[in-house]
Amino acid sequence: MNAKSADTSSTWVDPDDAPELTDSWFESATLMQGAKVIRPGRVLGSGVKASQTVRFDVSILDAFKATGKGWQTRMNDALRQWLEEHPLNQP
């Protein structure tokens, strides 16, 4: 049967018997606005970075990925440092 079952009845009657609302409860709660589930999206970027497709040697990617979470930021910082040390000749 695919019919939705009725809501379960509450096991407590007195409001003083209600479960304590802890931080962990709020972190795992489903956010609702009326009957609509609100799903948090990813954080919007700062607008100063652009997504591009770039090809790197596998050994370079492996080396940066081996440094753990945040490897893309470290790779960006390394490229920025290289540009500061090797200014491009622009007309």
N, C-alpha and C. Protein backbone atom coordinates (compact mmCIF):
# COMPACT_ATOMS: atom_id res chain seq x y z
N MET A 1 0.85 -1.17 0.00
CA MET A 1 0.00 0.00 0.00
C MET A 1 0.90 1.23 0.00
N ASN A 2 0.62 2.18 -0.88
CA ASN A 2 1.41 3.39 -0.99
C ASN A 2 0.77 4.59 -0.31
N ALA A 3 -0.37 4.40 0.32
CA ALA A 3 -1.05 5.52 0.96
C ALA A 3 -0.24 6.02 2.14
N LYS A 4 -0.27 7.30 2.33
CA LYS A 4 0.45 7.91 3.44
C LYS A 4 -0.27 7.59 4.74
N SER A 5 0.48 7.12 5.72
CA SER A 5 -0.14 6.77 6.99
C SER A 5 -0.44 8.04 7.79
N ALA A 6 -1.39 7.94 8.66
CA ALA A 6 -1.77 9.08 9.50
C ALA A 6 -0.63 9.43 10.44
N ASP A 7 -0.56 10.70 10.84
CA ASP A 7 0.47 11.12 11.79
C ASP A 7 0.34 10.31 13.08
N THR A 8 1.48 10.06 13.68
CA THR A 8 1.45 9.33 14.95
C THR A 8 0.96 10.24 16.04
N SER A 9 0.32 9.68 17.00
CA SER A 9 -0.20 10.49 18.10
C SER A 9 0.94 10.84 19.04
N SER A 10 0.80 11.94 19.71
CA SER A 10 1.82 12.42 20.64
C SER A 10 1.84 11.54 21.87
N THR A 11 3.03 11.30 22.41
CA THR A 11 3.15 10.48 23.62
C THR A 11 3.11 11.32 24.87
N TRP A 12 3.09 12.65 24.74
CA TRP A 12 3.02 13.51 25.90
C TRP A 12 1.86 14.48 25.76
N VAL A 13 1.31 14.85 26.87
CA VAL A 13 0.15 15.74 26.89
C VAL A 13 0.53 17.06 27.55
N ASP A 14 1.22 17.00 28.66
CA ASP A 14 1.61 18.19 29.41
C ASP A 14 2.78 18.88 28.70
N PRO A 15 2.68 20.19 28.41
CA PRO A 15 3.78 20.89 27.74
C PRO A 15 5.11 20.79 28.50
N ASP A 16 5.06 20.61 29.81
CA ASP A 16 6.28 20.46 30.59
C ASP A 16 6.99 19.15 30.28
N ASP A 17 6.28 18.21 29.67
CA ASP A 17 6.87 16.92 29.31
C ASP A 17 7.49 16.93 27.91
N ALA A 18 7.40 18.06 27.24
CA ALA A 18 7.93 18.15 25.86
C ALA A 18 9.44 17.92 25.88
N PRO A 19 9.98 17.29 24.82
CA PRO A 19 11.42 17.06 24.78
C PRO A 19 12.18 18.39 24.71
N GLU A 20 13.37 18.41 25.27
CA GLU A 20 14.20 19.61 25.25
C GLU A 20 14.72 19.86 23.83
N LEU A 21 14.65 21.11 23.39
CA LEU A 21 15.12 21.46 22.05
C LEU A 21 16.57 21.89 22.15
N THR A 22 17.46 20.97 21.81
CA THR A 22 18.89 21.21 21.90
C THR A 22 19.44 21.73 20.58
N ASP A 23 20.69 22.17 20.59
CA ASP A 23 21.34 22.63 19.36
C ASP A 23 21.38 21.52 18.32
N SER A 24 21.65 20.29 18.75
CA SER A 24 21.71 19.18 17.80
C SER A 24 20.33 18.90 17.18
N TRP A 25 19.27 19.12 17.95
CA TRP A 25 17.93 18.94 17.41
C TRP A 25 17.68 19.96 16.30
N PHE A 26 18.05 21.22 16.52
CA PHE A 26 17.84 22.25 15.51
C PHE A 26 18.71 22.00 14.28
N GLU A 27 19.92 21.50 14.47
CA GLU A 27 20.81 21.22 13.34
C GLU A 27 20.26 20.13 12.44
N SER A 28 19.55 19.17 13.01
CA SER A 28 19.03 18.06 12.22
C SER A 28 17.56 18.27 11.81
N ALA A 29 16.96 19.38 12.22
CA ALA A 29 15.55 19.62 11.92
C ALA A 29 15.36 19.96 10.44
N THR A 30 14.19 19.64 9.93
CA THR A 30 13.82 19.99 8.56
C THR A 30 13.16 21.36 8.59
N LEU A 31 13.72 22.30 7.84
CA LEU A 31 13.17 23.65 7.81
C LEU A 31 11.92 23.68 6.94
N MET A 32 10.85 24.25 7.46
CA MET A 32 9.58 24.31 6.74
C MET A 32 9.08 25.74 6.71
N GLN A 33 8.43 26.10 5.61
CA GLN A 33 7.70 27.36 5.52
C GLN A 33 6.31 26.97 5.06
N GLY A 34 5.39 26.91 6.00
CA GLY A 34 4.07 26.35 5.71
C GLY A 34 4.24 24.87 5.45
N ALA A 35 3.74 24.40 4.31
CA ALA A 35 3.88 23.00 3.95
C ALA A 35 5.09 22.75 3.06
N LYS A 36 5.86 23.81 2.76
CA LYS A 36 7.00 23.70 1.85
C LYS A 36 8.29 23.49 2.63
N VAL A 37 9.07 22.48 2.21
CA VAL A 37 10.37 22.21 2.81
C VAL A 37 11.37 23.22 2.25
N ILE A 38 12.09 23.91 3.12
CA ILE A 38 13.10 24.87 2.72
C ILE A 38 14.45 24.18 2.78
N ARG A 39 15.11 24.07 1.64
CA ARG A 39 16.41 23.42 1.58
C ARG A 39 17.47 24.49 1.42
N PRO A 40 18.41 24.54 2.36
CA PRO A 40 19.46 25.54 2.23
C PRO A 40 20.35 25.20 1.03
N GLY A 41 20.65 26.19 0.24
CA GLY A 41 21.52 25.99 -0.92
C GLY A 41 22.96 26.27 -0.55
N ARG A 42 23.81 26.21 -1.55
CA ARG A 42 25.20 26.49 -1.28
C ARG A 42 25.37 27.99 -1.10
N VAL A 43 26.40 28.36 -0.42
CA VAL A 43 26.68 29.75 -0.15
C VAL A 43 27.07 30.44 -1.46
N LEU A 44 26.52 31.62 -1.69
CA LEU A 44 26.87 32.36 -2.89
C LEU A 44 28.31 32.83 -2.83
N GLY A 45 28.95 32.84 -3.97
CA GLY A 45 30.34 33.27 -4.04
C GLY A 45 30.47 34.79 -3.90
N SER A 46 31.70 35.24 -3.80
CA SER A 46 31.97 36.66 -3.63
C SER A 46 31.85 37.43 -4.93
N GLY A 47 31.82 36.73 -6.05
CA GLY A 47 31.72 37.40 -7.34
C GLY A 47 33.06 37.81 -7.91
N VAL A 48 34.17 37.49 -7.23
CA VAL A 48 35.49 37.87 -7.73
C VAL A 48 36.22 36.69 -8.36
N LYS A 49 35.59 35.53 -8.39
CA LYS A 49 36.21 34.36 -9.01
C LYS A 49 35.33 33.88 -10.14
N ALA A 50 35.96 33.28 -11.15
CA ALA A 50 35.24 32.74 -12.29
C ALA A 50 35.57 31.26 -12.44
N SER A 51 34.57 30.50 -12.84
CA SER A 51 34.77 29.08 -13.07
C SER A 51 35.29 28.87 -14.48
N GLN A 52 36.36 28.10 -14.60
CA GLN A 52 36.98 27.82 -15.89
C GLN A 52 37.36 26.35 -15.95
N THR A 53 37.50 25.84 -17.16
CA THR A 53 38.03 24.49 -17.34
C THR A 53 39.50 24.63 -17.68
N VAL A 54 40.35 24.07 -16.84
CA VAL A 54 41.80 24.16 -17.02
C VAL A 54 42.36 22.75 -16.88
N ARG A 55 43.36 22.42 -17.68
CA ARG A 55 43.97 21.09 -17.62
C ARG A 55 45.35 21.20 -16.99
N PHE A 56 45.58 20.41 -15.94
CA PHE A 56 46.85 20.37 -15.24
C PHE A 56 47.41 18.96 -15.31
N ASP A 57 48.71 18.83 -15.13
CA ASP A 57 49.32 17.50 -15.03
C ASP A 57 48.71 16.78 -13.82
N VAL A 58 48.51 15.49 -13.97
CA VAL A 58 47.93 14.69 -12.89
C VAL A 58 48.79 14.79 -11.64
N SER A 59 50.11 14.81 -11.79
CA SER A 59 51.00 14.87 -10.63
C SER A 59 50.81 16.17 -9.85
N ILE A 60 50.54 17.27 -10.55
CA ILE A 60 50.32 18.56 -9.88
C ILE A 60 49.01 18.50 -9.10
N LEU A 61 47.96 18.01 -9.73
CA LEU A 61 46.67 17.90 -9.04
C LEU A 61 46.77 16.97 -7.84
N ASP A 62 47.43 15.83 -8.02
CA ASP A 62 47.58 14.88 -6.91
C ASP A 62 48.31 15.52 -5.74
N ALA A 63 49.35 16.31 -6.04
CA ALA A 63 50.13 16.94 -4.97
C ALA A 63 49.26 17.92 -4.19
N PHE A 64 48.47 18.73 -4.87
CA PHE A 64 47.61 19.69 -4.18
C PHE A 64 46.48 18.98 -3.44
N LYS A 65 45.87 17.98 -4.07
CA LYS A 65 44.78 17.24 -3.42
C LYS A 65 45.27 16.51 -2.18
N ALA A 66 46.53 16.09 -2.17
CA ALA A 66 47.09 15.37 -1.02
C ALA A 66 47.20 16.27 0.21
N THR A 67 47.12 17.58 0.01
CA THR A 67 47.20 18.51 1.15
C THR A 67 45.87 18.63 1.89
N GLY A 68 44.83 17.99 1.36
CA GLY A 68 43.55 17.95 2.07
C GLY A 68 42.57 19.03 1.62
N LYS A 69 41.51 19.17 2.42
CA LYS A 69 40.44 20.11 2.12
C LYS A 69 41.02 21.51 1.96
N GLY A 70 40.54 22.23 0.95
CA GLY A 70 41.03 23.57 0.67
C GLY A 70 42.14 23.60 -0.35
N TRP A 71 42.39 22.47 -1.02
CA TRP A 71 43.50 22.39 -1.97
C TRP A 71 43.32 23.36 -3.13
N GLN A 72 42.08 23.63 -3.55
CA GLN A 72 41.86 24.56 -4.66
C GLN A 72 42.25 25.99 -4.26
N THR A 73 41.97 26.36 -3.03
CA THR A 73 42.36 27.69 -2.55
C THR A 73 43.87 27.80 -2.49
N ARG A 74 44.54 26.73 -2.01
CA ARG A 74 46.00 26.76 -1.96
C ARG A 74 46.60 26.82 -3.36
N MET A 75 45.97 26.13 -4.31
CA MET A 75 46.45 26.18 -5.68
C MET A 75 46.28 27.60 -6.24
N ASN A 76 45.17 28.23 -5.96
CA ASN A 76 44.92 29.61 -6.39
C ASN A 76 45.97 30.55 -5.79
N ASP A 77 46.26 30.34 -4.50
CA ASP A 77 47.27 31.18 -3.82
C ASP A 77 48.65 30.99 -4.44
N ALA A 78 48.99 29.74 -4.80
CA ALA A 78 50.29 29.47 -5.41
C ALA A 78 50.40 30.15 -6.77
N LEU A 79 49.33 30.13 -7.55
CA LEU A 79 49.33 30.81 -8.85
C LEU A 79 49.43 32.32 -8.68
N ARG A 80 48.73 32.86 -7.69
CA ARG A 80 48.80 34.30 -7.41
C ARG A 80 50.22 34.71 -7.02
N GLN A 81 50.85 33.91 -6.16
CA GLN A 81 52.22 34.20 -5.73
C GLN A 81 53.17 34.16 -6.93
N TRP A 82 53.00 33.19 -7.82
CA TRP A 82 53.85 33.10 -9.01
C TRP A 82 53.69 34.34 -9.88
N LEU A 83 52.45 34.82 -10.04
CA LEU A 83 52.21 36.01 -10.85
C LEU A 83 52.84 37.25 -10.22
N GLU A 84 52.84 37.31 -8.89
CA GLU A 84 53.47 38.46 -8.22
C GLU A 84 54.98 38.44 -8.43
N GLU A 85 55.57 37.25 -8.46
CA GLU A 85 57.01 37.12 -8.63
C GLU A 85 57.43 37.18 -10.10
N HIS A 86 56.51 36.94 -11.02
CA HIS A 86 56.79 36.96 -12.46
C HIS A 86 55.75 37.81 -13.17
N PRO A 87 55.86 39.13 -13.06
CA PRO A 87 54.84 40.00 -13.67
C PRO A 87 54.76 39.77 -15.18
N LEU A 88 53.54 39.79 -15.69
CA LEU A 88 53.34 39.60 -17.12
C LEU A 88 53.60 40.89 -17.84
N ASN A 89 54.21 40.81 -19.00
CA ASN A 89 54.45 42.01 -19.83
C ASN A 89 53.19 42.27 -20.63
N GLN A 90 52.42 43.24 -20.17
CA GLN A 90 51.20 43.58 -20.87
C GLN A 90 51.35 44.94 -21.53
N PRO A 91 50.83 45.10 -22.76
CA PRO A 91 50.96 46.38 -23.47
C PRO A 91 50.18 47.50 -22.81
